[in-house]
Amino acid sequence: MTFEHDESADVLWVSISEPSSLCVYVEGQTPGVILRIEESTGVVCGFQILVWSRRISKGPILIPEVTDTEFQEQWVKNLSLIRGNVIL
């Protein structure tokens, strides 16, 4: 899992895995979350969170479309390392 924060756009990009096919972008169940989904498999391989610095200050951001338990554990662990709009 990798993170990239675009400060000027205030967007956090999260890559779960490298896509093995073409990806499509769809709006997630959580407002302001855009999912990157492998078109052939329907697997979420990444997502972006818009208005990141404002959103993280309001508490945890859940990504219900990603059901992989290992991802959920890593996501919660990494969220605990994030402060404001700075990723440590």
Protein backbone atom coordinates (compact mmCIF):
# COMPACT_ATOMS: atom_id res chain seq x y z
CA MET A 1 0.00 0.00 0.00
CA THR A 2 1.39 3.39 -0.95
CA PHE A 3 0.22 6.93 -0.21
CA GLU A 4 0.74 10.17 -2.09
CA HIS A 5 -0.64 13.53 -0.97
CA ASP A 6 -1.08 16.32 -3.51
CA GLU A 7 -1.07 19.37 -1.25
CA SER A 8 -2.11 21.86 -3.93
CA ALA A 9 -5.22 19.81 -4.82
CA ASP A 10 -5.62 18.44 -1.26
CA VAL A 11 -6.10 14.89 -2.53
CA LEU A 12 -4.74 11.72 -0.95
CA TRP A 13 -3.97 8.95 -3.46
CA VAL A 14 -3.84 5.41 -2.06
CA SER A 15 -2.60 2.48 -4.15
CA ILE A 16 -3.49 -0.93 -2.78
CA SER A 17 -1.88 -2.84 -5.63
CA GLU A 18 -0.69 -2.38 -9.17
CA PRO A 19 -3.59 -2.96 -11.53
CA SER A 20 -3.28 -5.96 -13.81
CA SER A 21 -5.69 -4.54 -16.37
CA LEU A 22 -7.31 -1.29 -17.35
CA CYS A 23 -8.89 0.62 -14.49
CA VAL A 24 -12.03 2.63 -14.25
CA TYR A 25 -12.78 5.31 -11.70
CA VAL A 26 -16.10 5.30 -9.85
CA GLU A 27 -17.50 7.26 -6.94
CA GLY A 28 -17.47 5.26 -3.72
CA GLN A 29 -20.19 4.89 -1.10
CA THR A 30 -18.33 7.38 1.09
CA PRO A 31 -18.77 10.93 -0.28
CA GLY A 32 -15.53 12.38 -1.64
CA VAL A 33 -13.92 8.97 -2.21
CA ILE A 34 -13.14 7.94 -5.79
CA LEU A 35 -12.32 4.26 -6.30
CA ARG A 36 -9.89 2.87 -8.90
CA ILE A 37 -11.27 -0.51 -9.96
CA GLU A 38 -9.80 -3.12 -12.30
CA GLU A 39 -12.30 -3.28 -15.13
CA SER A 40 -11.90 -7.02 -15.79
CA THR A 41 -12.11 -8.21 -12.16
CA GLY A 42 -13.99 -5.50 -10.28
CA VAL A 43 -11.24 -5.47 -7.62
CA VAL A 44 -10.45 -2.14 -5.96
CA CYS A 45 -6.74 -1.45 -6.57
CA GLY A 46 -6.71 2.09 -5.20
CA PHE A 47 -8.70 5.17 -4.33
CA GLN A 48 -8.41 8.90 -3.82
CA ILE A 49 -9.86 11.01 -1.05
CA LEU A 50 -10.83 14.55 -1.98
CA VAL A 51 -10.40 17.48 0.43
CA TRP A 52 -8.08 15.29 2.49
CA SER A 53 -6.90 17.72 5.18
CA ARG A 54 -10.44 18.71 6.13
CA ARG A 55 -11.71 15.11 6.07
CA ILE A 56 -8.96 13.57 8.22
CA SER A 57 -9.53 16.15 10.94
CA LYS A 58 -13.13 14.85 11.32
CA GLY A 59 -12.10 11.28 12.22
CA PRO A 60 -11.64 7.93 10.50
CA ILE A 61 -12.49 7.57 6.82
CA LEU A 62 -14.00 4.20 5.99
CA ILE A 63 -13.72 2.54 2.59
CA PRO A 64 -16.50 -0.10 2.70
CA GLU A 65 -15.94 -1.29 -0.88
CA VAL A 66 -12.58 -2.81 0.06
CA THR A 67 -13.45 -5.96 1.97
CA ASP A 68 -9.95 -7.45 2.17
CA THR A 69 -9.17 -7.91 5.88
CA GLU A 70 -5.43 -7.36 5.43
CA PHE A 71 -6.09 -4.04 3.68
CA GLN A 72 -8.49 -2.92 6.42
CA GLU A 73 -5.86 -3.66 9.09
CA GLN A 74 -3.13 -1.80 7.17
CA TRP A 75 -5.46 1.14 6.45
CA VAL A 76 -6.38 1.56 10.14
CA LYS A 77 -2.71 1.22 11.15
CA ASN A 78 -1.59 3.81 8.59
CA LEU A 79 -4.38 6.21 9.50
CA SER A 80 -2.99 6.25 13.02
CA LEU A 81 0.30 7.58 11.56
CA ILE A 82 -1.35 10.46 9.73
CA ARG A 83 -1.59 13.87 11.37
CA GLY A 84 -3.40 16.74 9.63
CA ASN A 85 -2.34 16.72 5.99
CA VAL A 86 1.15 15.33 6.67
CA ILE A 87 1.85 11.66 6.15
CA LEU A 88 4.61 10.44 8.45
